[in-house]
Amino acid sequence: MQILKSERFHQDLKEIVAYIAEDSPESARNFLAGLEQSVEGLALFPYRFRRSIFFEEERIRDLIYRGYVIPYEVWEEERRIVILGIVKYRKGF
């Protein structure tokens, strides 16, 4: 499956990584690398994670990574996954 990342995801991620980098650039790099690996793993098992708590669609799931929720939408017929954003769990989508 092809994985596409929304503009919102890119913007949210940029802000999160910049915030982490203020304390530790190495931690920011590790966070980014680990997140990228988790996102890429969706291609093999797109329904591995729970149905999203932010949306009522079965095809929208929530990948959880280090306290962040990454909602994504699975389009099986088109063989693609769209990463919608990334938020701290308490902030909401």
N, C-alpha and C. Protein backbone atom coordinates (compact mmCIF):
# COMPACT_ATOMS: atom_id res chain seq x y z
N MET A 1 0.83 -1.18 0.00
CA MET A 1 0.00 0.00 0.00
C MET A 1 0.88 1.25 0.00
N GLN A 2 0.40 2.24 -0.69
CA GLN A 2 1.09 3.52 -0.73
C GLN A 2 0.68 4.35 0.49
N ILE A 3 1.63 5.02 1.10
CA ILE A 3 1.34 5.86 2.26
C ILE A 3 1.52 7.32 1.87
N LEU A 4 0.45 8.09 2.02
CA LEU A 4 0.47 9.52 1.73
C LEU A 4 0.31 10.29 3.04
N LYS A 5 1.00 11.39 3.16
CA LYS A 5 0.94 12.20 4.39
C LYS A 5 0.33 13.55 4.06
N SER A 6 -0.70 13.91 4.82
CA SER A 6 -1.39 15.17 4.57
C SER A 6 -0.52 16.36 4.95
N GLU A 7 -0.89 17.51 4.43
CA GLU A 7 -0.20 18.74 4.77
C GLU A 7 -0.30 19.02 6.27
N ARG A 8 -1.46 18.72 6.83
CA ARG A 8 -1.64 18.92 8.28
C ARG A 8 -0.66 18.06 9.06
N PHE A 9 -0.48 16.80 8.66
CA PHE A 9 0.47 15.92 9.33
C PHE A 9 1.87 16.52 9.29
N HIS A 10 2.29 16.98 8.11
CA HIS A 10 3.63 17.56 7.98
C HIS A 10 3.80 18.77 8.88
N GLN A 11 2.80 19.64 8.93
CA GLN A 11 2.88 20.84 9.75
C GLN A 11 2.91 20.49 11.24
N ASP A 12 2.00 19.60 11.66
CA ASP A 12 1.96 19.18 13.06
C ASP A 12 3.29 18.53 13.48
N LEU A 13 3.80 17.67 12.63
CA LEU A 13 5.05 16.97 12.93
C LEU A 13 6.22 17.94 13.03
N LYS A 14 6.26 18.90 12.15
CA LYS A 14 7.32 19.91 12.18
C LYS A 14 7.33 20.64 13.52
N GLU A 15 6.15 21.01 14.01
CA GLU A 15 6.06 21.71 15.29
C GLU A 15 6.48 20.82 16.46
N ILE A 16 6.05 19.57 16.43
CA ILE A 16 6.40 18.62 17.50
C ILE A 16 7.90 18.38 17.54
N VAL A 17 8.50 18.13 16.40
CA VAL A 17 9.94 17.87 16.34
C VAL A 17 10.73 19.09 16.79
N ALA A 18 10.30 20.29 16.39
CA ALA A 18 10.99 21.52 16.82
C ALA A 18 10.91 21.67 18.33
N TYR A 19 9.76 21.35 18.90
CA TYR A 19 9.59 21.44 20.35
C TYR A 19 10.52 20.45 21.08
N ILE A 20 10.57 19.23 20.60
CA ILE A 20 11.44 18.21 21.22
C ILE A 20 12.90 18.62 21.06
N ALA A 21 13.25 19.17 19.91
CA ALA A 21 14.64 19.55 19.62
C ALA A 21 15.14 20.67 20.52
N GLU A 22 14.21 21.48 21.07
CA GLU A 22 14.64 22.54 21.99
C GLU A 22 15.39 21.96 23.19
N ASP A 23 14.95 20.80 23.66
CA ASP A 23 15.61 20.15 24.79
C ASP A 23 16.72 19.21 24.35
N SER A 24 16.48 18.50 23.24
CA SER A 24 17.45 17.51 22.81
C SER A 24 17.30 17.21 21.32
N PRO A 25 18.21 17.73 20.51
CA PRO A 25 18.17 17.43 19.08
C PRO A 25 18.24 15.92 18.78
N GLU A 26 18.99 15.20 19.60
CA GLU A 26 19.10 13.75 19.39
C GLU A 26 17.76 13.06 19.65
N SER A 27 17.07 13.48 20.69
CA SER A 27 15.74 12.92 20.98
C SER A 27 14.77 13.22 19.84
N ALA A 28 14.87 14.40 19.27
CA ALA A 28 14.01 14.77 18.15
C ALA A 28 14.28 13.86 16.95
N ARG A 29 15.56 13.61 16.67
CA ARG A 29 15.91 12.72 15.56
C ARG A 29 15.41 11.31 15.82
N ASN A 30 15.56 10.83 17.05
CA ASN A 30 15.09 9.48 17.40
C ASN A 30 13.57 9.38 17.30
N PHE A 31 12.88 10.41 17.76
CA PHE A 31 11.42 10.45 17.68
C PHE A 31 10.99 10.35 16.22
N LEU A 32 11.58 11.16 15.37
CA LEU A 32 11.24 11.19 13.96
C LEU A 32 11.52 9.85 13.28
N ALA A 33 12.67 9.26 13.57
CA ALA A 33 13.03 7.97 12.96
C ALA A 33 12.07 6.87 13.41
N GLY A 34 11.76 6.82 14.70
CA GLY A 34 10.85 5.81 15.20
C GLY A 34 9.44 5.97 14.66
N LEU A 35 8.98 7.21 14.58
CA LEU A 35 7.66 7.48 14.04
C LEU A 35 7.58 7.06 12.57
N GLU A 36 8.59 7.40 11.83
CA GLU A 36 8.62 7.04 10.40
C GLU A 36 8.57 5.52 10.23
N GLN A 37 9.27 4.81 11.06
CA GLN A 37 9.26 3.35 11.00
C GLN A 37 7.86 2.81 11.32
N SER A 38 7.21 3.36 12.32
CA SER A 38 5.85 2.93 12.67
C SER A 38 4.86 3.21 11.55
N VAL A 39 4.98 4.38 10.95
CA VAL A 39 4.08 4.75 9.85
C VAL A 39 4.30 3.83 8.65
N GLU A 40 5.54 3.55 8.32
CA GLU A 40 5.83 2.68 7.18
C GLU A 40 5.29 1.26 7.42
N GLY A 41 5.24 0.83 8.67
CA GLY A 41 4.71 -0.49 9.00
C GLY A 41 3.23 -0.64 8.71
N LEU A 42 2.52 0.47 8.57
CA LEU A 42 1.10 0.42 8.26
C LEU A 42 0.83 -0.23 6.90
N ALA A 43 1.78 -0.15 6.00
CA ALA A 43 1.60 -0.71 4.66
C ALA A 43 1.33 -2.21 4.71
N LEU A 44 1.91 -2.90 5.68
CA LEU A 44 1.72 -4.34 5.78
C LEU A 44 0.45 -4.72 6.55
N PHE A 45 0.15 -3.97 7.60
CA PHE A 45 -1.01 -4.26 8.45
C PHE A 45 -1.82 -3.00 8.71
N PRO A 46 -2.58 -2.53 7.74
CA PRO A 46 -3.28 -1.25 7.88
C PRO A 46 -4.35 -1.22 8.97
N TYR A 47 -4.92 -2.37 9.32
CA TYR A 47 -5.96 -2.39 10.35
C TYR A 47 -5.43 -2.86 11.71
N ARG A 48 -4.14 -2.79 11.89
CA ARG A 48 -3.51 -3.24 13.13
C ARG A 48 -3.97 -2.44 14.34
N PHE A 49 -4.22 -1.16 14.16
CA PHE A 49 -4.54 -0.28 15.27
C PHE A 49 -6.05 -0.08 15.42
N ARG A 50 -6.44 0.46 16.56
CA ARG A 50 -7.86 0.63 16.90
C ARG A 50 -8.57 1.59 15.95
N ARG A 51 -9.89 1.46 15.93
CA ARG A 51 -10.71 2.42 15.20
C ARG A 51 -10.53 3.77 15.88
N SER A 52 -10.52 4.84 15.12
CA SER A 52 -10.24 6.17 15.65
C SER A 52 -11.27 6.62 16.68
N ILE A 53 -10.77 7.27 17.71
CA ILE A 53 -11.68 7.85 18.70
C ILE A 53 -12.17 9.23 18.25
N PHE A 54 -11.58 9.77 17.20
CA PHE A 54 -11.95 11.09 16.71
C PHE A 54 -12.96 11.05 15.57
N PHE A 55 -13.06 9.92 14.90
CA PHE A 55 -13.94 9.78 13.74
C PHE A 55 -14.79 8.53 13.91
N GLU A 56 -15.92 8.49 13.25
CA GLU A 56 -16.81 7.34 13.37
C GLU A 56 -16.73 6.40 12.17
N GLU A 57 -15.71 6.53 11.39
CA GLU A 57 -15.50 5.69 10.22
C GLU A 57 -14.63 4.49 10.58
N GLU A 58 -15.04 3.31 10.18
CA GLU A 58 -14.26 2.09 10.46
C GLU A 58 -12.89 2.14 9.79
N ARG A 59 -12.80 2.79 8.63
CA ARG A 59 -11.53 2.80 7.90
C ARG A 59 -10.53 3.83 8.45
N ILE A 60 -10.96 4.66 9.42
CA ILE A 60 -10.04 5.62 10.03
C ILE A 60 -9.57 5.03 11.35
N ARG A 61 -8.27 4.87 11.48
CA ARG A 61 -7.65 4.20 12.61
C ARG A 61 -6.72 5.17 13.34
N ASP A 62 -6.29 4.79 14.54
CA ASP A 62 -5.37 5.60 15.34
C ASP A 62 -4.10 4.83 15.64
N LEU A 63 -3.01 5.25 15.05
CA LEU A 63 -1.70 4.73 15.41
C LEU A 63 -1.27 5.52 16.65
N ILE A 64 -0.82 4.85 17.69
CA ILE A 64 -0.35 5.50 18.90
C ILE A 64 1.18 5.39 18.94
N TYR A 65 1.83 6.52 19.12
CA TYR A 65 3.30 6.52 19.18
C TYR A 65 3.76 7.52 20.24
N ARG A 66 4.38 7.03 21.30
CA ARG A 66 4.95 7.85 22.39
C ARG A 66 4.00 8.94 22.88
N GLY A 67 2.75 8.58 23.10
CA GLY A 67 1.79 9.54 23.64
C GLY A 67 1.11 10.40 22.59
N TYR A 68 1.45 10.19 21.35
CA TYR A 68 0.82 10.93 20.25
C TYR A 68 -0.13 10.01 19.51
N VAL A 69 -1.21 10.58 19.01
CA VAL A 69 -2.19 9.84 18.22
C VAL A 69 -2.05 10.30 16.78
N ILE A 70 -1.90 9.33 15.87
CA ILE A 70 -1.75 9.61 14.45
C ILE A 70 -2.94 8.97 13.73
N PRO A 71 -4.01 9.74 13.50
CA PRO A 71 -5.15 9.18 12.76
C PRO A 71 -4.78 8.99 11.29
N TYR A 72 -5.23 7.87 10.74
CA TYR A 72 -4.97 7.61 9.32
C TYR A 72 -6.18 6.91 8.72
N GLU A 73 -6.33 7.09 7.42
CA GLU A 73 -7.48 6.54 6.71
C GLU A 73 -7.00 5.49 5.70
N VAL A 74 -7.66 4.34 5.72
CA VAL A 74 -7.29 3.24 4.84
C VAL A 74 -8.25 3.24 3.64
N TRP A 75 -7.70 3.31 2.46
CA TRP A 75 -8.45 3.21 1.21
C TRP A 75 -8.01 1.93 0.52
N GLU A 76 -8.69 0.83 0.83
CA GLU A 76 -8.27 -0.47 0.30
C GLU A 76 -8.35 -0.56 -1.21
N GLU A 77 -9.44 -0.08 -1.80
CA GLU A 77 -9.59 -0.19 -3.25
C GLU A 77 -8.50 0.56 -4.00
N GLU A 78 -8.09 1.71 -3.45
CA GLU A 78 -7.04 2.50 -4.08
C GLU A 78 -5.64 2.07 -3.63
N ARG A 79 -5.61 1.13 -2.66
CA ARG A 79 -4.36 0.62 -2.08
C ARG A 79 -3.49 1.76 -1.56
N ARG A 80 -4.12 2.61 -0.73
CA ARG A 80 -3.37 3.71 -0.14
C ARG A 80 -3.84 3.98 1.29
N ILE A 81 -2.96 4.59 2.03
CA ILE A 81 -3.22 5.02 3.40
C ILE A 81 -2.88 6.50 3.46
N VAL A 82 -3.79 7.28 4.03
CA VAL A 82 -3.55 8.72 4.15
C VAL A 82 -3.38 9.05 5.64
N ILE A 83 -2.23 9.58 5.99
CA ILE A 83 -1.96 10.01 7.36
C ILE A 83 -2.58 11.40 7.51
N LEU A 84 -3.54 11.52 8.44
CA LEU A 84 -4.33 12.74 8.55
C LEU A 84 -3.71 13.82 9.44
N GLY A 85 -2.97 13.43 10.46
CA GLY A 85 -2.39 14.40 11.38
C GLY A 85 -1.67 13.69 12.50
N ILE A 86 -1.23 14.47 13.48
CA ILE A 86 -0.61 13.91 14.68
C ILE A 86 -0.89 14.88 15.82
N VAL A 87 -1.40 14.34 16.92
CA VAL A 87 -1.75 15.18 18.07
C VAL A 87 -1.37 14.48 19.37
N LYS A 88 -1.14 15.27 20.40
CA LYS A 88 -1.03 14.72 21.74
C LYS A 88 -2.40 14.20 22.11
N TYR A 89 -2.49 13.09 22.78
CA TYR A 89 -3.77 12.45 23.06
C TYR A 89 -4.79 13.40 23.67
N ARG A 90 -4.42 14.21 24.63
CA ARG A 90 -5.37 15.07 25.33
C ARG A 90 -5.86 16.25 24.51
N LYS A 91 -5.09 16.69 23.53
CA LYS A 91 -5.47 17.86 22.75
C LYS A 91 -6.64 17.59 21.81
N GLY A 92 -6.73 16.40 21.30
CA GLY A 92 -7.81 16.08 20.36
C GLY A 92 -7.46 16.44 18.94
N PHE A 93 -8.26 15.92 18.05
CA PHE A 93 -8.01 16.15 16.63
C PHE A 93 -8.99 17.17 16.17
